[in-house]
Amino acid sequence: MLKILRNSWQLWTILAVLLLIIGLLKSKGLDEQKPVHNHKFHGTSKFLIPDKIDGIGAIEIVISQKIHRYQKNDKNIWFFHMPHAGHHKTHSHDTIGEYTDVIAGTLTGFGRTQKERNFSFDLRKDEYGVVNSNMYILIFKDPNDLSPDLRISVGDVAPDTLSRYILVKSQVFTIANFHIEKLLNLVNITEN
């Protein structure tokens, strides 16, 4: 009988200690679930375009002050928007073209671009080639918007030759250079 009472006392002691530990964890908030990371939070997203490509209506790639515009039609199909003026004799909104799949694939891939590293930035020193850039990418939520939701200044290739410096909202990041190379390839394909 004494052995049962001694084991019972030990069991109650262990139970009391466990309850005390649980109480301390609850009071410190250590048992609460952490918030799920959501890439749609613009400030903390690892993606260059927080909405990826789904929330984008148009993208303009500006190279040497020449605009190359790609936008979605009302059926959510990407197409190259021919300029209204300039050396092009025609103006087209044709979405059934040989480049529709190439445009969609390239821009979907660009929508998955992730920021790699970030750098402190001095506007007076263009260490990364983003101040006087030759290439800009303008992202529009809606094709009819007059002002872009996101402006990206494309700078120099990093010394590792795999990354490219970009400027977004006064912050310099690197991204994989192949994303920029694919955009340049898209421009070459659709312009010719």
N, C-alpha and C. Protein backbone atom coordinates (compact mmCIF):
# COMPACT_ATOMS: atom_id res chain seq x y z
N MET A 1 0.81 -1.18 0.00
CA MET A 1 0.00 0.00 0.00
C MET A 1 0.87 1.26 0.00
N LEU A 2 1.93 1.23 0.75
CA LEU A 2 2.83 2.36 0.83
C LEU A 2 3.48 2.64 -0.53
N LYS A 3 3.80 1.57 -1.26
CA LYS A 3 4.41 1.71 -2.59
C LYS A 3 3.44 2.39 -3.54
N ILE A 4 2.16 2.06 -3.48
CA ILE A 4 1.15 2.67 -4.34
C ILE A 4 1.02 4.16 -4.03
N LEU A 5 1.00 4.50 -2.75
CA LEU A 5 0.91 5.91 -2.35
C LEU A 5 2.13 6.69 -2.81
N ARG A 6 3.33 6.07 -2.71
CA ARG A 6 4.56 6.75 -3.13
C ARG A 6 4.53 6.97 -4.65
N ASN A 7 4.11 5.98 -5.44
CA ASN A 7 4.01 6.12 -6.90
C ASN A 7 2.94 7.14 -7.27
N SER A 8 1.86 7.16 -6.53
CA SER A 8 0.80 8.13 -6.77
C SER A 8 1.31 9.55 -6.53
N TRP A 9 2.07 9.73 -5.46
CA TRP A 9 2.62 11.05 -5.15
C TRP A 9 3.58 11.51 -6.25
N GLN A 10 4.40 10.62 -6.77
CA GLN A 10 5.33 10.94 -7.84
C GLN A 10 4.57 11.31 -9.11
N LEU A 11 3.51 10.58 -9.41
CA LEU A 11 2.70 10.86 -10.59
C LEU A 11 2.08 12.25 -10.50
N TRP A 12 1.53 12.59 -9.33
CA TRP A 12 0.93 13.91 -9.15
C TRP A 12 1.98 15.02 -9.22
N THR A 13 3.17 14.77 -8.75
CA THR A 13 4.25 15.75 -8.82
C THR A 13 4.63 16.01 -10.28
N ILE A 14 4.78 14.96 -11.04
CA ILE A 14 5.11 15.09 -12.47
C ILE A 14 4.01 15.84 -13.21
N LEU A 15 2.76 15.51 -12.92
CA LEU A 15 1.63 16.18 -13.55
C LEU A 15 1.62 17.67 -13.19
N ALA A 16 1.91 18.01 -11.95
CA ALA A 16 1.93 19.41 -11.52
C ALA A 16 3.04 20.18 -12.23
N VAL A 17 4.22 19.57 -12.37
CA VAL A 17 5.34 20.21 -13.07
C VAL A 17 4.98 20.45 -14.53
N LEU A 18 4.37 19.47 -15.19
CA LEU A 18 3.96 19.64 -16.59
C LEU A 18 2.93 20.76 -16.75
N LEU A 19 1.96 20.82 -15.85
CA LEU A 19 0.97 21.89 -15.89
C LEU A 19 1.63 23.26 -15.68
N LEU A 20 2.61 23.34 -14.82
CA LEU A 20 3.35 24.58 -14.59
C LEU A 20 4.09 25.00 -15.85
N ILE A 21 4.74 24.05 -16.51
CA ILE A 21 5.47 24.35 -17.76
C ILE A 21 4.50 24.83 -18.83
N ILE A 22 3.38 24.18 -18.99
CA ILE A 22 2.37 24.59 -19.97
C ILE A 22 1.87 25.99 -19.66
N GLY A 23 1.64 26.28 -18.39
CA GLY A 23 1.19 27.61 -17.98
C GLY A 23 2.21 28.68 -18.32
N LEU A 24 3.49 28.40 -18.09
CA LEU A 24 4.55 29.35 -18.42
C LEU A 24 4.65 29.58 -19.93
N LEU A 25 4.54 28.52 -20.71
CA LEU A 25 4.58 28.66 -22.18
C LEU A 25 3.43 29.52 -22.68
N LYS A 26 2.25 29.32 -22.16
CA LYS A 26 1.09 30.11 -22.57
C LYS A 26 1.27 31.57 -22.19
N SER A 27 1.83 31.83 -21.02
CA SER A 27 2.00 33.22 -20.58
C SER A 27 3.03 33.95 -21.43
N LYS A 28 4.00 33.24 -21.97
CA LYS A 28 5.01 33.85 -22.83
C LYS A 28 4.58 33.83 -24.29
N GLY A 29 3.49 33.19 -24.63
CA GLY A 29 3.00 33.14 -26.00
C GLY A 29 3.78 32.20 -26.89
N LEU A 30 4.56 31.30 -26.31
CA LEU A 30 5.37 30.40 -27.11
C LEU A 30 4.58 29.27 -27.76
N ASP A 31 3.35 29.06 -27.30
CA ASP A 31 2.55 27.99 -27.89
C ASP A 31 1.67 28.49 -29.03
N GLU A 32 1.69 29.82 -29.27
CA GLU A 32 0.85 30.37 -30.34
C GLU A 32 1.43 30.00 -31.69
N GLN A 33 0.56 29.82 -32.66
CA GLN A 33 1.02 29.52 -34.00
C GLN A 33 1.58 30.77 -34.63
N LYS A 34 2.67 30.60 -35.33
CA LYS A 34 3.29 31.72 -36.03
C LYS A 34 2.47 32.03 -37.27
N PRO A 35 2.40 33.34 -37.68
CA PRO A 35 1.65 33.67 -38.88
C PRO A 35 2.28 33.02 -40.11
N VAL A 36 1.46 32.58 -41.02
CA VAL A 36 1.93 31.96 -42.24
C VAL A 36 2.51 33.04 -43.14
N HIS A 37 3.69 32.76 -43.72
CA HIS A 37 4.33 33.72 -44.61
C HIS A 37 3.54 33.80 -45.91
N ASN A 38 3.16 35.00 -46.29
CA ASN A 38 2.39 35.22 -47.50
C ASN A 38 3.17 36.13 -48.41
N HIS A 39 3.46 35.69 -49.64
CA HIS A 39 4.25 36.47 -50.57
C HIS A 39 3.52 37.68 -51.13
N LYS A 40 2.25 37.82 -50.81
CA LYS A 40 1.51 38.98 -51.30
C LYS A 40 1.71 40.21 -50.43
N PHE A 41 2.41 40.07 -49.29
CA PHE A 41 2.73 41.23 -48.49
C PHE A 41 3.88 41.94 -49.18
N HIS A 42 3.63 43.12 -49.70
CA HIS A 42 4.59 43.81 -50.55
C HIS A 42 5.92 44.09 -49.87
N GLY A 43 5.93 44.38 -48.58
CA GLY A 43 7.16 44.75 -47.91
C GLY A 43 8.10 43.58 -47.65
N THR A 44 7.60 42.41 -47.52
CA THR A 44 8.43 41.29 -47.10
C THR A 44 8.52 40.18 -48.15
N SER A 45 8.03 40.39 -49.30
CA SER A 45 8.01 39.34 -50.31
C SER A 45 9.41 39.05 -50.83
N LYS A 46 9.71 37.77 -51.04
CA LYS A 46 10.97 37.42 -51.66
C LYS A 46 10.87 37.52 -53.18
N PHE A 47 9.65 37.65 -53.68
CA PHE A 47 9.44 37.77 -55.11
C PHE A 47 9.56 39.22 -55.56
N LEU A 48 10.14 39.42 -56.72
CA LEU A 48 10.28 40.76 -57.28
C LEU A 48 8.91 41.38 -57.53
N ILE A 49 8.01 40.58 -58.10
CA ILE A 49 6.63 41.01 -58.32
C ILE A 49 5.79 40.25 -57.31
N PRO A 50 5.35 40.92 -56.23
CA PRO A 50 4.67 40.20 -55.15
C PRO A 50 3.44 39.40 -55.59
N ASP A 51 2.70 39.89 -56.58
CA ASP A 51 1.51 39.17 -57.05
C ASP A 51 1.85 38.13 -58.10
N LYS A 52 3.14 37.93 -58.33
CA LYS A 52 3.62 37.13 -59.44
C LYS A 52 3.01 37.71 -60.70
N ILE A 53 2.65 36.94 -61.66
CA ILE A 53 2.18 37.51 -62.92
C ILE A 53 0.65 37.55 -62.99
N ASP A 54 -0.02 36.86 -62.06
CA ASP A 54 -1.48 36.78 -62.11
C ASP A 54 -2.18 38.12 -61.97
N GLY A 55 -1.64 39.01 -61.14
CA GLY A 55 -2.28 40.30 -60.92
C GLY A 55 -1.78 41.40 -61.82
N ILE A 56 -1.09 41.04 -62.89
CA ILE A 56 -0.49 42.03 -63.78
C ILE A 56 -1.28 42.10 -65.08
N GLY A 57 -1.55 43.34 -65.53
CA GLY A 57 -2.28 43.53 -66.78
C GLY A 57 -1.40 43.91 -67.95
N ALA A 58 -0.26 44.54 -67.66
CA ALA A 58 0.66 44.96 -68.73
C ALA A 58 2.06 45.14 -68.18
N ILE A 59 3.03 44.92 -69.05
CA ILE A 59 4.44 45.15 -68.72
C ILE A 59 5.06 45.91 -69.88
N GLU A 60 5.75 46.98 -69.53
CA GLU A 60 6.51 47.72 -70.54
C GLU A 60 7.99 47.54 -70.26
N ILE A 61 8.71 47.15 -71.28
CA ILE A 61 10.16 47.02 -71.19
C ILE A 61 10.72 48.18 -72.00
N VAL A 62 11.39 49.08 -71.32
CA VAL A 62 11.93 50.29 -71.95
C VAL A 62 13.42 50.09 -72.10
N ILE A 63 13.88 50.08 -73.36
CA ILE A 63 15.30 49.91 -73.66
C ILE A 63 15.72 51.10 -74.51
N SER A 64 16.70 51.85 -74.01
CA SER A 64 17.18 53.05 -74.71
C SER A 64 16.01 53.95 -75.10
N GLN A 65 15.10 54.15 -74.21
CA GLN A 65 13.92 55.02 -74.33
C GLN A 65 12.90 54.53 -75.35
N LYS A 66 13.05 53.30 -75.82
CA LYS A 66 12.07 52.71 -76.72
C LYS A 66 11.20 51.74 -75.92
N ILE A 67 9.88 51.90 -76.02
CA ILE A 67 8.93 51.12 -75.23
C ILE A 67 8.49 49.87 -75.98
N HIS A 68 8.56 48.75 -75.30
CA HIS A 68 8.07 47.47 -75.82
C HIS A 68 6.99 47.01 -74.83
N ARG A 69 5.74 47.06 -75.26
CA ARG A 69 4.62 46.82 -74.34
C ARG A 69 3.98 45.45 -74.61
N TYR A 70 3.76 44.72 -73.50
CA TYR A 70 3.07 43.43 -73.54
C TYR A 70 1.91 43.54 -72.57
N GLN A 71 0.73 43.15 -73.03
CA GLN A 71 -0.43 43.27 -72.15
C GLN A 71 -1.40 42.13 -72.38
N LYS A 72 -2.33 42.01 -71.43
CA LYS A 72 -3.36 40.97 -71.52
C LYS A 72 -4.61 41.57 -72.13
N ASN A 73 -5.32 40.74 -72.90
CA ASN A 73 -6.61 41.18 -73.42
C ASN A 73 -7.71 40.77 -72.43
N ASP A 74 -8.96 40.99 -72.83
CA ASP A 74 -10.08 40.67 -71.93
C ASP A 74 -10.23 39.17 -71.68
N LYS A 75 -9.55 38.33 -72.47
CA LYS A 75 -9.58 36.87 -72.26
C LYS A 75 -8.35 36.39 -71.50
N ASN A 76 -7.57 37.35 -70.95
CA ASN A 76 -6.39 37.05 -70.16
C ASN A 76 -5.26 36.43 -70.99
N ILE A 77 -5.19 36.77 -72.27
CA ILE A 77 -4.16 36.27 -73.17
C ILE A 77 -3.14 37.39 -73.40
N TRP A 78 -1.85 37.07 -73.23
CA TRP A 78 -0.79 38.04 -73.44
C TRP A 78 -0.57 38.28 -74.92
N PHE A 79 -0.28 39.54 -75.28
CA PHE A 79 0.08 39.87 -76.65
C PHE A 79 1.03 41.05 -76.67
N PHE A 80 1.76 41.20 -77.77
CA PHE A 80 2.64 42.34 -77.98
C PHE A 80 1.81 43.48 -78.54
N HIS A 81 1.84 44.60 -77.85
CA HIS A 81 1.06 45.76 -78.26
C HIS A 81 1.93 46.62 -79.17
N MET A 82 1.59 46.62 -80.45
CA MET A 82 2.36 47.41 -81.41
C MET A 82 2.21 48.89 -81.09
N PRO A 83 3.28 49.66 -81.29
CA PRO A 83 3.21 51.11 -81.02
C PRO A 83 2.20 51.80 -81.93
N HIS A 84 1.65 52.88 -81.44
CA HIS A 84 0.67 53.65 -82.20
C HIS A 84 1.34 54.54 -83.24
N ALA A 85 2.54 54.93 -82.98
CA ALA A 85 3.23 55.83 -83.91
C ALA A 85 4.66 55.36 -84.04
N GLY A 86 5.41 56.09 -84.83
CA GLY A 86 6.82 55.75 -84.98
C GLY A 86 7.05 55.08 -86.31
N HIS A 87 8.06 54.25 -86.37
CA HIS A 87 8.44 53.63 -87.63
C HIS A 87 7.53 52.47 -88.01
N HIS A 88 6.66 52.02 -87.10
CA HIS A 88 5.73 50.94 -87.44
C HIS A 88 4.57 51.52 -88.23
N LYS A 89 4.25 50.91 -89.34
CA LYS A 89 3.16 51.39 -90.18
C LYS A 89 1.81 50.89 -89.70
N THR A 90 1.81 49.85 -88.92
CA THR A 90 0.54 49.29 -88.46
C THR A 90 0.46 49.36 -86.95
N HIS A 91 -0.75 49.37 -86.48
CA HIS A 91 -1.01 49.33 -85.04
C HIS A 91 -1.91 48.13 -84.82
N SER A 92 -1.49 47.23 -83.96
CA SER A 92 -2.21 45.98 -83.86
C SER A 92 -2.48 45.61 -82.41
N HIS A 93 -3.67 45.04 -82.20
CA HIS A 93 -4.02 44.44 -80.92
C HIS A 93 -4.31 42.97 -81.12
N ASP A 94 -3.74 42.41 -82.15
CA ASP A 94 -3.97 41.01 -82.49
C ASP A 94 -3.38 40.11 -81.41
N THR A 95 -4.21 39.26 -80.85
CA THR A 95 -3.74 38.37 -79.79
C THR A 95 -3.54 36.95 -80.29
N ILE A 96 -3.96 36.66 -81.49
CA ILE A 96 -3.77 35.32 -82.02
C ILE A 96 -2.56 35.40 -82.93
N GLY A 97 -1.43 35.30 -82.33
CA GLY A 97 -0.20 35.40 -83.11
C GLY A 97 0.72 34.27 -82.76
N GLU A 98 1.80 34.20 -83.51
CA GLU A 98 2.75 33.13 -83.29
C GLU A 98 3.54 33.32 -82.01
N TYR A 99 3.50 34.51 -81.42
CA TYR A 99 4.30 34.80 -80.23
C TYR A 99 3.52 34.74 -78.93
N THR A 100 2.24 34.48 -78.96
CA THR A 100 1.41 34.50 -77.75
C THR A 100 1.96 33.56 -76.68
N ASP A 101 2.29 32.34 -77.04
CA ASP A 101 2.82 31.37 -76.07
C ASP A 101 4.20 31.77 -75.56
N VAL A 102 5.03 32.32 -76.44
CA VAL A 102 6.37 32.76 -76.04
C VAL A 102 6.26 33.91 -75.05
N ILE A 103 5.37 34.87 -75.33
CA ILE A 103 5.17 36.01 -74.43
C ILE A 103 4.67 35.51 -73.08
N ALA A 104 3.65 34.67 -73.08
CA ALA A 104 3.08 34.16 -71.83
C ALA A 104 4.12 33.40 -71.02
N GLY A 105 4.89 32.54 -71.68
CA GLY A 105 5.90 31.75 -70.97
C GLY A 105 7.00 32.62 -70.38
N THR A 106 7.48 33.58 -71.16
CA THR A 106 8.54 34.46 -70.69
C THR A 106 8.07 35.32 -69.53
N LEU A 107 6.88 35.90 -69.64
CA LEU A 107 6.39 36.78 -68.58
C LEU A 107 5.98 36.00 -67.33
N THR A 108 5.49 34.79 -67.51
CA THR A 108 5.19 33.95 -66.34
C THR A 108 6.48 33.63 -65.60
N GLY A 109 7.53 33.30 -66.33
CA GLY A 109 8.83 33.06 -65.71
C GLY A 109 9.36 34.29 -65.00
N PHE A 110 9.20 35.45 -65.63
CA PHE A 110 9.65 36.70 -64.99
C PHE A 110 8.85 36.98 -63.72
N GLY A 111 7.58 36.60 -63.72
CA GLY A 111 6.74 36.79 -62.54
C GLY A 111 7.21 35.97 -61.35
N ARG A 112 8.01 34.96 -61.59
CA ARG A 112 8.53 34.11 -60.50
C ARG A 112 9.92 34.55 -60.04
N THR A 113 10.41 35.66 -60.56
CA THR A 113 11.73 36.16 -60.20
C THR A 113 11.81 36.43 -58.71
N GLN A 114 12.86 35.92 -58.08
CA GLN A 114 13.06 36.14 -56.65
C GLN A 114 14.24 37.08 -56.42
N LYS A 115 14.08 37.94 -55.43
CA LYS A 115 15.18 38.82 -55.02
C LYS A 115 16.22 37.95 -54.32
N GLU A 116 17.49 38.21 -54.63
CA GLU A 116 18.56 37.43 -54.03
C GLU A 116 19.18 38.17 -52.85
N ARG A 117 19.94 39.20 -53.13
CA ARG A 117 20.62 39.96 -52.08
C ARG A 117 20.18 41.41 -52.18
N ASN A 118 20.29 42.14 -51.07
CA ASN A 118 20.00 43.56 -51.12
C ASN A 118 21.25 44.32 -50.67
N PHE A 119 21.36 45.58 -51.13
CA PHE A 119 22.55 46.37 -50.91
C PHE A 119 22.16 47.77 -50.46
N SER A 120 23.05 48.36 -49.65
CA SER A 120 22.86 49.77 -49.33
C SER A 120 23.18 50.56 -50.59
N PHE A 121 22.57 51.72 -50.72
CA PHE A 121 22.60 52.41 -51.99
C PHE A 121 22.82 53.90 -51.78
N ASP A 122 23.77 54.47 -52.47
CA ASP A 122 24.03 55.91 -52.45
C ASP A 122 23.69 56.44 -53.83
N LEU A 123 22.70 57.32 -53.89
CA LEU A 123 22.21 57.85 -55.16
C LEU A 123 23.29 58.62 -55.91
N ARG A 124 24.23 59.23 -55.16
CA ARG A 124 25.29 60.03 -55.81
C ARG A 124 26.30 59.15 -56.53
N LYS A 125 26.47 57.93 -56.07
CA LYS A 125 27.40 56.99 -56.70
C LYS A 125 26.57 55.91 -57.38
N ASP A 126 26.71 55.79 -58.64
CA ASP A 126 25.95 54.76 -59.36
C ASP A 126 26.78 53.48 -59.42
N GLU A 127 27.03 52.90 -58.23
CA GLU A 127 27.88 51.71 -58.14
C GLU A 127 27.31 50.51 -58.88
N TYR A 128 26.01 50.46 -59.03
CA TYR A 128 25.35 49.27 -59.57
C TYR A 128 24.73 49.50 -60.95
N GLY A 129 24.90 50.69 -61.50
CA GLY A 129 24.37 50.99 -62.83
C GLY A 129 22.86 51.13 -62.89
N VAL A 130 22.23 51.45 -61.75
CA VAL A 130 20.77 51.53 -61.72
C VAL A 130 20.23 52.96 -61.83
N VAL A 131 21.11 53.97 -61.65
CA VAL A 131 20.64 55.36 -61.70
C VAL A 131 20.48 55.82 -63.14
N ASN A 132 21.48 55.61 -63.94
CA ASN A 132 21.42 55.99 -65.37
C ASN A 132 21.29 54.73 -66.21
N SER A 133 20.23 54.00 -65.95
CA SER A 133 20.04 52.70 -66.59
C SER A 133 19.64 52.85 -68.05
N ASN A 134 19.95 51.85 -68.80
CA ASN A 134 19.55 51.76 -70.20
C ASN A 134 18.25 50.96 -70.34
N MET A 135 17.82 50.31 -69.24
CA MET A 135 16.64 49.44 -69.30
C MET A 135 15.79 49.61 -68.05
N TYR A 136 14.49 49.76 -68.29
CA TYR A 136 13.52 49.86 -67.21
C TYR A 136 12.38 48.89 -67.49
N ILE A 137 11.77 48.39 -66.43
CA ILE A 137 10.60 47.51 -66.56
C ILE A 137 9.49 48.15 -65.75
N LEU A 138 8.37 48.41 -66.40
CA LEU A 138 7.22 49.05 -65.76
C LEU A 138 6.08 48.02 -65.69
N ILE A 139 5.55 47.83 -64.50
CA ILE A 139 4.51 46.84 -64.26
C ILE A 139 3.19 47.56 -63.99
N PHE A 140 2.15 47.21 -64.75
CA PHE A 140 0.83 47.80 -64.60
C PHE A 140 -0.16 46.73 -64.14
N LYS A 141 -0.94 47.03 -63.12
CA LYS A 141 -1.97 46.09 -62.65
C LYS A 141 -3.06 45.92 -63.71
N ASP A 142 -3.42 47.04 -64.33
CA ASP A 142 -4.47 47.05 -65.34
C ASP A 142 -3.89 47.64 -66.62
N PRO A 143 -4.20 47.07 -67.80
CA PRO A 143 -3.66 47.61 -69.04
C PRO A 143 -4.05 49.07 -69.31
N ASN A 144 -5.14 49.52 -68.70
CA ASN A 144 -5.59 50.90 -68.92
C ASN A 144 -4.99 51.91 -67.95
N ASP A 145 -4.22 51.43 -66.97
CA ASP A 145 -3.60 52.34 -66.02
C ASP A 145 -2.59 53.24 -66.73
N LEU A 146 -2.55 54.51 -66.31
CA LEU A 146 -1.60 55.45 -66.89
C LEU A 146 -0.27 55.44 -66.15
N SER A 147 -0.30 55.05 -64.90
CA SER A 147 0.90 55.04 -64.09
C SER A 147 1.20 53.61 -63.63
N PRO A 148 2.46 53.19 -63.72
CA PRO A 148 2.80 51.81 -63.31
C PRO A 148 2.72 51.64 -61.80
N ASP A 149 2.41 50.43 -61.39
CA ASP A 149 2.39 50.08 -59.96
C ASP A 149 3.80 49.79 -59.45
N LEU A 150 4.68 49.38 -60.35
CA LEU A 150 6.04 49.04 -59.95
C LEU A 150 6.99 49.46 -61.06
N ARG A 151 8.05 50.16 -60.66
CA ARG A 151 9.10 50.56 -61.60
C ARG A 151 10.39 49.85 -61.21
N ILE A 152 11.01 49.23 -62.18
CA ILE A 152 12.24 48.49 -61.94
C ILE A 152 13.32 49.06 -62.86
N SER A 153 14.39 49.53 -62.26
CA SER A 153 15.53 50.01 -63.03
C SER A 153 16.55 48.88 -63.08
N VAL A 154 16.93 48.47 -64.28
CA VAL A 154 17.84 47.34 -64.47
C VAL A 154 19.26 47.87 -64.60
N GLY A 155 20.14 47.39 -63.72
CA GLY A 155 21.51 47.87 -63.70
C GLY A 155 22.50 46.90 -64.31
N ASP A 156 23.70 46.94 -63.78
CA ASP A 156 24.82 46.15 -64.29
C ASP A 156 24.70 44.68 -63.91
N VAL A 157 25.43 43.86 -64.64
CA VAL A 157 25.59 42.46 -64.26
C VAL A 157 26.57 42.43 -63.10
N ALA A 158 26.28 41.65 -62.08
CA ALA A 158 27.13 41.54 -60.89
C ALA A 158 28.44 40.83 -61.25
N PRO A 159 29.46 41.00 -60.43
CA PRO A 159 30.75 40.34 -60.72
C PRO A 159 30.66 38.82 -60.86
N ASP A 160 29.68 38.20 -60.24
CA ASP A 160 29.55 36.74 -60.38
C ASP A 160 29.02 36.34 -61.75
N THR A 161 28.61 37.30 -62.56
CA THR A 161 28.05 37.15 -63.92
C THR A 161 26.74 36.36 -63.97
N LEU A 162 26.23 35.95 -62.82
CA LEU A 162 24.97 35.21 -62.78
C LEU A 162 23.82 36.09 -62.30
N SER A 163 24.15 37.20 -61.66
CA SER A 163 23.14 38.08 -61.07
C SER A 163 23.16 39.43 -61.76
N ARG A 164 22.07 40.16 -61.58
CA ARG A 164 21.94 41.50 -62.16
C ARG A 164 21.41 42.42 -61.07
N TYR A 165 21.97 43.63 -60.98
CA TYR A 165 21.49 44.62 -60.02
C TYR A 165 20.23 45.28 -60.55
N ILE A 166 19.26 45.50 -59.66
CA ILE A 166 18.05 46.22 -60.02
C ILE A 166 17.71 47.19 -58.89
N LEU A 167 17.00 48.24 -59.23
CA LEU A 167 16.53 49.21 -58.25
C LEU A 167 15.02 49.18 -58.23
N VAL A 168 14.45 48.92 -57.04
CA VAL A 168 13.01 48.89 -56.86
C VAL A 168 12.69 49.66 -55.58
N LYS A 169 11.88 50.70 -55.71
CA LYS A 169 11.45 51.48 -54.54
C LYS A 169 12.64 51.89 -53.67
N SER A 170 13.65 52.49 -54.27
CA SER A 170 14.84 53.01 -53.58
C SER A 170 15.67 51.93 -52.90
N GLN A 171 15.52 50.68 -53.31
CA GLN A 171 16.31 49.58 -52.74
C GLN A 171 16.98 48.81 -53.88
N VAL A 172 18.25 48.52 -53.73
CA VAL A 172 18.99 47.76 -54.74
C VAL A 172 19.00 46.28 -54.33
N PHE A 173 18.64 45.43 -55.29
CA PHE A 173 18.64 43.98 -55.11
C PHE A 173 19.43 43.37 -56.26
N THR A 174 19.72 42.08 -56.11
CA THR A 174 20.15 41.32 -57.27
C THR A 174 19.08 40.28 -57.57
N ILE A 175 18.96 39.97 -58.84
CA ILE A 175 18.10 38.89 -59.30
C ILE A 175 18.93 38.05 -60.26
N ALA A 176 18.45 36.88 -60.57
CA ALA A 176 19.17 36.03 -61.54
C ALA A 176 19.16 36.73 -62.90
N ASN A 177 20.32 36.87 -63.49
CA ASN A 177 20.47 37.60 -64.75
C ASN A 177 19.70 36.95 -65.90
N PHE A 178 19.48 35.64 -65.84
CA PHE A 178 18.79 34.99 -66.97
C PHE A 178 17.38 35.53 -67.16
N HIS A 179 16.76 36.07 -66.09
CA HIS A 179 15.42 36.67 -66.25
C HIS A 179 15.48 37.89 -67.18
N ILE A 180 16.49 38.71 -67.02
CA ILE A 180 16.66 39.88 -67.88
C ILE A 180 17.02 39.45 -69.29
N GLU A 181 17.88 38.45 -69.41
CA GLU A 181 18.25 37.93 -70.74
C GLU A 181 17.03 37.40 -71.49
N LYS A 182 16.12 36.73 -70.77
CA LYS A 182 14.90 36.22 -71.40
C LYS A 182 13.99 37.37 -71.87
N LEU A 183 13.91 38.44 -71.07
CA LEU A 183 13.12 39.60 -71.49
C LEU A 183 13.72 40.25 -72.73
N LEU A 184 15.03 40.38 -72.76
CA LEU A 184 15.70 40.95 -73.93
C LEU A 184 15.48 40.07 -75.15
N ASN A 185 15.52 38.76 -74.98
CA ASN A 185 15.25 37.83 -76.07
C ASN A 185 13.81 37.98 -76.57
N LEU A 186 12.87 38.15 -75.64
CA LEU A 186 11.46 38.36 -76.01
C LEU A 186 11.31 39.62 -76.85
N VAL A 187 11.96 40.69 -76.44
CA VAL A 187 11.90 41.95 -77.20
C VAL A 187 12.45 41.72 -78.61
N ASN A 188 13.58 41.04 -78.73
CA ASN A 188 14.16 40.77 -80.06
C ASN A 188 13.24 39.94 -80.93
N ILE A 189 12.58 38.95 -80.34
CA ILE A 189 11.68 38.09 -81.12
C ILE A 189 10.47 38.86 -81.61
N THR A 190 9.82 39.61 -80.73
CA THR A 190 8.57 40.27 -81.09
C THR A 190 8.77 41.52 -81.92
N GLU A 191 9.94 42.13 -81.85
CA GLU A 191 10.21 43.34 -82.64
C GLU A 191 10.53 43.01 -84.09
N ASN A 192 11.03 41.83 -84.33
CA ASN A 192 11.49 41.50 -85.70
C ASN A 192 10.53 40.64 -86.44
